[in-house]
């Protein structure tokens, strides 16, 4: 049997296979961030389709940190009841789900009504109301993350993942392109990881030792003056020593086009797993379980990554938008690659208030496949 279908565990969380649904903005929450029945149905279909671990979409920990419309919120207790319904639906379908905690920083939606929080004056504000984060703001944000983690625990999530990739707030702290601070949060990589470690310690005090805490981070920003592999490796070693239970490797900034996290045109095996060589470097330096995301489409590619010990888990997003039952199909012996063509059209309906779905699949059904600009990358 393939190692992809081996049972494993992250901290005390047992998993039935090594497939992870990467955190994906679904665009299916209410304007206030509350879970809806359509979102619950999506999570049910993923769990029922065989995914070992679901990571819910980036959930904003503070009102001014919302990065996209109709995004899941975890900033107030009133959101807990519907979150509980979602986790129960996953557990009833033999699945596990963790919540990704996030803050968009300077890329927050203008519609939040509050100034966007920027790590420093990096010259990338694009004429909007921005506030540079103070030490008091840092302490408030640490509290926001801790309280959000507590809500996730109370809502029945099996763990949490801290989002420090793709140019969002904590990624901005890590990246020299955004972080030009002159205090203890800027400069050296030790300083740029300081808030991450403070958030980790604050969350751990609230949730205890047995609750899995993961982190998603960039191997590289792929932008001028962005974080490099060397600095990412140093940060990963610090996260590993601090006690993070797993590290998910991604890369790119949401506004960098060609080198964005969700790259288009993944049509052949050689284009898959575009962070694979970075993951190999990470695996050589840390013992913490490693999750690899980025353009994985073929069972054979995923199987070899696990067999060669390049990573411990395979994380995918877009393939599950088209085929929530992909893992069940592979486990039953149909090993044809995922049907996803990486056109990136799936995110467009989300911005229209319809939630994400495979536009290409719907168009194929209706014979109306057309071209639209992907507004997410």
Protein backbone atom coordinates (compact mmCIF):
# COMPACT_ATOMS: atom_id res chain seq x y z
CA UNK A 1 0.00 0.00 0.00
CA UNK A 2 1.18 3.52 -0.75
CA UNK A 3 2.52 5.48 2.21
CA UNK A 4 -0.01 8.14 1.24
CA UNK A 5 -2.70 6.00 2.85
CA UNK A 6 -0.81 5.23 6.04
CA UNK A 7 -2.24 6.40 9.32
CA UNK A 8 -0.20 9.01 11.15
CA UNK A 9 -0.53 11.68 13.81
CA UNK A 10 0.35 15.32 14.39
CA UNK A 11 0.67 15.79 18.13
CA UNK A 12 -2.37 13.88 19.48
CA UNK A 13 -4.39 14.32 16.26
CA UNK A 14 -4.64 10.99 14.43
CA UNK A 15 -5.03 11.10 10.64
CA UNK A 16 -6.26 8.36 8.32
CA UNK A 17 -4.02 9.36 5.39
CA UNK A 18 -1.43 11.93 4.36
CA UNK A 19 -3.67 14.13 2.25
CA UNK A 20 -4.46 17.65 3.43
CA UNK A 21 -6.94 20.09 2.00
CA UNK A 22 -4.99 23.36 2.02
CA UNK A 23 -6.73 26.39 3.48
CA UNK A 24 -8.85 27.97 0.78
CA UNK A 25 -10.94 31.11 0.82
CA UNK A 26 -14.39 29.79 0.03
CA UNK A 27 -16.33 33.06 -0.06
CA UNK A 28 -19.23 31.33 1.68
CA UNK A 29 -19.43 33.02 5.08
CA UNK A 30 -21.85 35.83 5.90
CA UNK A 31 -20.65 39.45 5.71
CA UNK A 32 -19.97 39.20 9.46
CA UNK A 33 -17.89 36.04 9.02
CA UNK A 34 -20.44 33.50 10.24
CA UNK A 35 -20.43 29.99 8.77
CA UNK A 36 -23.32 29.20 6.38
CA UNK A 37 -25.05 25.96 5.43
CA UNK A 38 -23.30 25.97 2.03
CA UNK A 39 -19.92 26.14 3.75
CA UNK A 40 -20.87 23.26 6.02
CA UNK A 41 -21.91 21.24 2.97
CA UNK A 42 -18.53 21.92 1.35
CA UNK A 43 -16.69 20.68 4.44
CA UNK A 44 -18.93 17.60 4.57
CA UNK A 45 -18.13 16.76 0.96
CA UNK A 46 -14.38 17.06 1.60
CA UNK A 47 -14.51 14.81 4.66
CA UNK A 48 -16.76 12.33 2.88
CA UNK A 49 -14.45 12.40 -0.12
CA UNK A 50 -11.56 10.97 1.85
CA UNK A 51 -9.39 13.96 2.73
CA UNK A 52 -7.40 13.13 5.86
CA UNK A 53 -7.15 16.67 7.21
CA UNK A 54 -9.12 19.78 6.24
CA UNK A 55 -7.67 23.22 6.93
CA UNK A 56 -10.46 25.76 6.88
CA UNK A 57 -9.96 29.02 5.03
CA UNK A 58 -7.99 31.89 6.53
CA UNK A 59 -10.18 33.01 9.43
CA UNK A 60 -9.70 36.60 10.51
CA UNK A 61 -8.85 37.05 14.19
CA UNK A 62 -9.71 40.75 14.36
CA UNK A 63 -12.33 42.80 12.43
CA UNK A 64 -9.75 45.00 10.70
CA UNK A 65 -7.87 41.92 9.52
CA UNK A 66 -10.45 40.63 7.02
CA UNK A 67 -8.70 40.10 3.70
CA UNK A 68 -11.52 38.98 1.42
CA UNK A 69 -15.31 39.33 1.33
CA UNK A 70 -17.47 36.59 2.85
CA UNK A 71 -14.46 35.25 4.76
CA UNK A 72 -14.78 33.11 7.88
CA UNK A 73 -14.37 35.10 11.09
CA UNK A 74 -13.24 33.94 14.52
CA UNK A 75 -13.04 37.33 16.22
CA UNK A 76 -16.06 37.06 18.53
CA UNK A 77 -17.81 34.40 20.60
CA UNK A 78 -21.09 34.78 18.70
CA UNK A 79 -19.51 32.95 15.75
CA UNK A 80 -18.89 29.77 17.77
CA UNK A 81 -22.30 28.02 17.35
CA UNK A 82 -22.08 27.81 13.55
CA UNK A 83 -18.39 26.87 13.74
CA UNK A 84 -19.46 23.99 15.99
CA UNK A 85 -21.96 22.85 13.37
CA UNK A 86 -19.20 22.80 10.77
CA UNK A 87 -16.74 20.78 12.85
CA UNK A 88 -19.49 18.34 13.85
CA UNK A 89 -20.36 17.77 10.19
CA UNK A 90 -16.72 16.96 9.43
CA UNK A 91 -16.36 14.62 12.41
CA UNK A 92 -19.59 12.84 11.50
CA UNK A 93 -17.98 12.04 8.14
CA UNK A 94 -14.80 10.58 9.71
CA UNK A 95 -12.75 13.71 9.01
CA UNK A 96 -10.47 16.05 10.92
CA UNK A 97 -10.47 19.82 10.59
CA UNK A 98 -8.22 22.57 11.86
CA UNK A 99 -8.78 26.31 11.64
CA UNK A 100 -6.31 28.64 9.97
CA UNK A 101 -5.89 31.88 11.92
CA UNK A 102 -5.03 34.93 9.88
CA UNK A 103 -4.85 38.70 9.65
CA UNK A 104 -4.43 40.42 6.30
CA UNK A 105 -2.35 43.32 7.60
CA UNK A 106 -1.94 46.01 4.97
CA UNK A 107 -3.88 43.88 2.47
CA UNK A 108 -7.07 44.01 4.51
CA UNK A 109 -10.30 44.90 2.74
CA UNK A 110 -11.08 48.60 2.63
CA UNK A 111 -14.65 47.73 3.58
CA UNK A 112 -13.62 46.86 7.15
CA UNK A 113 -13.91 50.58 7.89
CA UNK A 114 -10.67 50.60 9.86
CA UNK A 115 -7.14 51.56 8.81
CA UNK A 116 -5.14 48.70 7.36
CA UNK A 117 -2.32 47.65 9.70
CA UNK A 118 1.14 47.76 8.15
CA UNK A 119 4.30 46.37 9.70
CA UNK A 120 6.26 49.43 8.56
CA UNK A 121 6.31 52.11 5.87
CA UNK A 122 7.44 49.95 2.97
CA UNK A 123 6.19 52.27 0.24
CA UNK A 124 3.57 49.74 -0.94
CA UNK A 125 0.34 51.21 0.41
CA UNK A 126 -1.40 52.16 -2.86
CA UNK A 127 -3.12 55.28 -1.53
CA UNK A 128 -5.24 53.92 1.29
CA UNK A 129 -5.74 54.54 4.99
CA UNK A 130 -2.88 52.71 6.71
CA UNK A 131 -1.62 52.62 10.27
CA UNK A 132 1.89 51.47 11.19
CA UNK A 133 1.72 48.82 13.90
CA UNK A 134 2.86 49.98 17.33
CA UNK A 135 4.09 47.82 20.20
CA UNK A 136 0.65 48.20 21.77
CA UNK A 137 -0.87 46.92 18.54
CA UNK A 138 1.48 43.92 18.62
CA UNK A 139 0.33 43.02 22.12
CA UNK A 140 -3.32 43.40 21.10
CA UNK A 141 -2.78 41.17 18.06
CA UNK A 142 -1.14 38.48 20.17
CA UNK A 143 -4.23 38.52 22.39
CA UNK A 144 -6.50 38.35 19.32
CA UNK A 145 -4.73 35.21 18.10
CA UNK A 146 -4.91 33.59 21.54
CA UNK A 147 -8.62 34.31 21.90
CA UNK A 148 -9.28 33.08 18.36
CA UNK A 149 -7.46 29.83 19.13
CA UNK A 150 -9.57 29.38 22.25
CA UNK A 151 -12.71 29.85 20.15
CA UNK A 152 -11.43 27.26 17.68
CA UNK A 153 -10.89 24.81 20.54
CA UNK A 154 -14.35 25.49 21.96
CA UNK A 155 -15.83 25.05 18.47
CA UNK A 156 -14.49 21.51 18.17
CA UNK A 157 -11.61 22.07 15.78
CA UNK A 158 -8.85 19.46 15.98
CA UNK A 159 -6.09 22.08 15.90
CA UNK A 160 -5.13 25.44 14.43
CA UNK A 161 -2.72 26.70 11.79
CA UNK A 162 -1.14 30.15 11.94
CA UNK A 163 -1.04 31.75 8.49
CA UNK A 164 2.36 33.35 7.88
CA UNK A 165 2.48 33.10 4.10
CA UNK A 166 1.42 34.83 0.90
CA UNK A 167 1.98 38.41 2.04
CA UNK A 168 -0.55 38.51 4.87
CA UNK A 169 0.30 40.12 8.23
CA UNK A 170 2.71 37.60 9.75
CA UNK A 171 4.30 37.03 6.36
CA UNK A 172 4.81 40.81 6.22
CA UNK A 173 6.70 40.63 9.52
CA UNK A 174 8.96 37.91 8.10
CA UNK A 175 9.63 39.67 4.80
CA UNK A 176 12.31 42.41 4.54
CA UNK A 177 10.30 43.84 1.64
CA UNK A 178 7.56 44.80 4.10
CA UNK A 179 9.38 44.85 7.45
CA UNK A 180 11.68 47.83 7.79
CA UNK A 181 11.14 48.29 11.51
CA UNK A 182 13.96 49.49 13.71
CA UNK A 183 12.73 47.93 16.96
CA UNK A 184 12.81 44.38 18.34
CA UNK A 185 10.40 43.22 15.59
CA UNK A 186 12.57 44.23 12.64
CA UNK A 187 16.04 43.67 11.23
CA UNK A 188 17.44 40.21 11.94
CA UNK A 189 15.49 37.05 11.28
CA UNK A 190 15.41 36.51 15.05
CA UNK A 191 13.52 39.79 15.40
CA UNK A 192 11.25 39.17 12.43
CA UNK A 193 10.07 35.87 13.93
CA UNK A 194 9.54 37.38 17.39
CA UNK A 195 5.81 38.01 16.99
CA UNK A 196 5.26 34.47 15.68
CA UNK A 197 6.88 32.95 18.74
CA UNK A 198 4.97 35.27 21.06
CA UNK A 199 1.71 34.30 19.36
CA UNK A 200 2.66 30.62 19.64
CA UNK A 201 3.35 30.92 23.37
CA UNK A 202 0.14 32.86 23.94
CA UNK A 203 -1.92 30.23 22.12
CA UNK A 204 -0.18 27.31 23.82
CA UNK A 205 -1.03 28.75 27.24
CA UNK A 206 -4.70 28.77 26.24
CA UNK A 207 -5.07 25.45 24.42
CA UNK A 208 -2.59 23.23 26.29
CA UNK A 209 0.16 20.88 25.07
CA UNK A 210 -2.01 18.34 23.25
CA UNK A 211 -3.77 20.71 20.83
CA UNK A 212 -1.92 20.79 17.49
CA UNK A 213 -0.50 24.16 16.44
CA UNK A 214 0.75 24.33 12.86
CA UNK A 215 2.23 27.18 10.87
CA UNK A 216 2.10 27.96 7.14
CA UNK A 217 5.06 29.93 5.83
CA UNK A 218 6.76 30.99 2.63
CA UNK A 219 9.93 29.26 1.51
CA UNK A 220 10.52 32.41 -0.56
CA UNK A 221 8.49 35.51 -1.41
CA UNK A 222 9.79 35.58 -5.00
CA UNK A 223 9.81 39.39 -4.94
CA UNK A 224 12.57 41.95 -4.70
CA UNK A 225 13.97 42.10 -1.14
CA UNK A 226 11.55 39.40 -0.03
CA UNK A 227 12.37 36.60 2.37
CA UNK A 228 14.96 34.17 1.03
CA UNK A 229 15.36 30.45 1.49
CA UNK A 230 18.18 30.95 4.01
CA UNK A 231 16.05 33.16 6.23
CA UNK A 232 13.04 30.86 5.83
CA UNK A 233 15.13 27.89 6.94
CA UNK A 234 16.34 29.80 9.99
CA UNK A 235 12.76 30.77 10.84
CA UNK A 236 11.58 27.18 10.39
CA UNK A 237 14.27 25.93 12.77
CA UNK A 238 13.09 28.45 15.37
CA UNK A 239 9.47 27.40 14.89
CA UNK A 240 10.47 23.76 15.22
CA UNK A 241 12.43 24.37 18.43
CA UNK A 242 9.56 26.42 19.87
CA UNK A 243 7.21 23.44 19.55
CA UNK A 244 5.09 23.95 16.44
CA UNK A 245 3.61 20.56 15.57
CA UNK A 246 3.92 20.85 11.77
CA UNK A 247 5.07 23.33 9.15
CA UNK A 248 3.31 23.84 5.81
CA UNK A 249 5.59 25.11 3.05
CA UNK A 250 4.23 27.50 0.44
CA UNK A 251 5.60 30.57 -1.34
CA UNK A 252 4.91 33.75 -3.22
CA UNK A 253 2.79 36.80 -2.52
CA UNK A 254 -0.87 36.99 -3.47
CA UNK A 255 -0.20 39.90 -5.83
CA UNK A 256 2.89 38.67 -7.69
CA UNK A 257 1.18 37.03 -10.67
CA UNK A 258 3.48 34.44 -12.23
CA UNK A 259 4.98 33.44 -8.90
CA UNK A 260 1.79 33.64 -6.88
CA UNK A 261 0.92 30.79 -4.49
CA UNK A 262 -1.74 29.48 -6.91
CA UNK A 263 0.13 29.21 -10.19
CA UNK A 264 -1.89 28.59 -13.35
CA UNK A 265 -1.18 26.09 -16.11
CA UNK A 266 -0.15 23.04 -14.06
CA UNK A 267 -0.73 20.72 -17.03
CA UNK A 268 2.21 18.30 -16.86
CA UNK A 269 3.96 16.40 -14.08
CA UNK A 270 7.15 18.45 -14.37
CA UNK A 271 5.17 21.60 -13.47
CA UNK A 272 3.73 20.06 -10.32
CA UNK A 273 5.00 20.50 -6.76
CA UNK A 274 6.74 23.77 -7.59
CA UNK A 275 8.01 24.15 -4.01
CA UNK A 276 9.37 20.59 -3.91
CA UNK A 277 13.08 21.46 -3.94
CA UNK A 278 12.54 24.02 -1.20
CA UNK A 279 10.77 21.34 0.84
CA UNK A 280 13.77 19.06 0.38
CA UNK A 281 15.97 21.73 1.99
CA UNK A 282 13.53 22.14 4.87
CA UNK A 283 13.33 18.41 5.42
CA UNK A 284 17.12 18.24 5.74
CA UNK A 285 17.13 20.91 8.44
CA UNK A 286 14.11 20.23 10.68
CA UNK A 287 12.50 17.21 12.30
CA UNK A 288 9.02 18.75 12.58
CA UNK A 289 6.47 17.14 10.22
CA UNK A 290 6.44 18.96 6.87
CA UNK A 291 3.37 19.61 4.71
CA UNK A 292 3.97 20.46 1.05
CA UNK A 293 1.48 22.50 -0.99
CA UNK A 294 1.71 23.95 -4.48
CA UNK A 295 0.51 22.53 -7.79
CA UNK A 296 0.18 18.86 -6.86
CA UNK A 297 -2.11 17.06 -9.28
CA UNK A 298 -0.85 13.48 -9.85
CA UNK A 299 -0.97 10.51 -7.52
CA UNK A 300 2.44 9.36 -8.76
CA UNK A 301 4.08 12.72 -8.01
CA UNK A 302 2.56 12.83 -4.53
CA UNK A 303 3.47 9.21 -3.85
CA UNK A 304 7.12 9.79 -4.77
CA UNK A 305 7.37 12.90 -2.61
CA UNK A 306 6.27 10.92 0.43
CA UNK A 307 8.33 7.83 -0.49
CA UNK A 308 11.46 9.96 -0.97
CA UNK A 309 10.82 11.70 2.37
CA UNK A 310 10.74 15.16 0.79
CA UNK A 311 7.62 15.90 2.83
CA UNK A 312 5.35 14.11 5.28
CA UNK A 313 2.00 15.31 3.97
CA UNK A 314 0.56 16.38 0.61
CA UNK A 315 -1.59 19.51 0.63
CA UNK A 316 -3.90 20.53 -2.22
CA UNK A 317 -6.57 23.14 -2.74
CA UNK A 318 -7.82 23.68 -6.30
CA UNK A 319 -8.15 19.96 -7.16
CA UNK A 320 -10.67 19.57 -4.33
CA UNK A 321 -12.75 22.48 -5.61
CA UNK A 322 -13.43 20.45 -8.74
CA UNK A 323 -13.25 16.97 -7.17
CA UNK A 324 -14.00 16.81 -3.44
CA UNK A 325 -13.96 13.01 -3.77
CA UNK A 326 -10.51 12.85 -5.38
CA UNK A 327 -8.82 10.96 -2.52
CA UNK A 328 -11.59 8.38 -2.35
CA UNK A 329 -11.19 7.87 -6.12
CA UNK A 330 -7.44 7.36 -5.80
CA UNK A 331 -7.80 5.00 -2.86
CA UNK A 332 -10.22 2.86 -4.86
CA UNK A 333 -7.59 2.44 -7.57
CA UNK A 334 -8.51 5.07 -10.16
CA UNK A 335 -5.16 6.87 -10.22
CA UNK A 336 -5.79 9.23 -13.11
CA UNK A 337 -4.53 12.71 -12.23
CA UNK A 338 -6.84 15.30 -10.74
CA UNK A 339 -9.24 16.83 -13.24
CA UNK A 340 -8.25 20.37 -12.17
CA UNK A 341 -6.67 22.28 -15.07
CA UNK A 342 -5.32 25.09 -12.85
CA UNK A 343 -7.22 27.74 -14.79
CA UNK A 344 -7.81 29.66 -11.53
CA UNK A 345 -11.33 30.64 -12.60
CA UNK A 346 -12.73 29.01 -9.44
CA UNK A 347 -12.07 32.07 -7.29
CA UNK A 348 -14.00 34.52 -9.47
CA UNK A 349 -17.52 33.58 -8.30
CA UNK A 350 -16.38 34.15 -4.73
CA UNK A 351 -15.88 37.83 -5.45
CA UNK A 352 -19.38 37.97 -6.90
CA UNK A 353 -20.87 36.60 -3.67
CA UNK A 354 -21.55 33.15 -5.07
CA UNK A 355 -18.80 31.21 -3.33
CA UNK A 356 -15.96 29.45 -5.11
CA UNK A 357 -16.66 26.53 -7.43
CA UNK A 358 -15.14 24.98 -10.55
CA UNK A 359 -16.25 27.37 -13.26
CA UNK A 360 -14.71 25.18 -15.94
CA UNK A 361 -16.70 22.15 -14.82
CA UNK A 362 -19.96 24.09 -14.79
CA UNK A 363 -19.17 25.57 -18.20
CA UNK A 364 -18.40 22.12 -19.60
CA UNK A 365 -21.82 20.99 -18.44
CA UNK A 366 -23.50 23.97 -20.02
CA UNK A 367 -21.22 24.40 -23.03
CA UNK A 368 -20.41 27.98 -22.04
CA UNK A 369 -16.70 27.88 -21.13
CA UNK A 370 -15.28 31.38 -21.51
CA UNK A 371 -12.31 33.37 -20.27
CA UNK A 372 -12.27 35.56 -17.22
CA UNK A 373 -9.48 37.24 -15.31
CA UNK A 374 -8.53 35.58 -12.05
CA UNK A 375 -8.85 38.34 -9.47
CA UNK A 376 -7.36 36.31 -6.63
CA UNK A 377 -3.73 35.97 -7.75
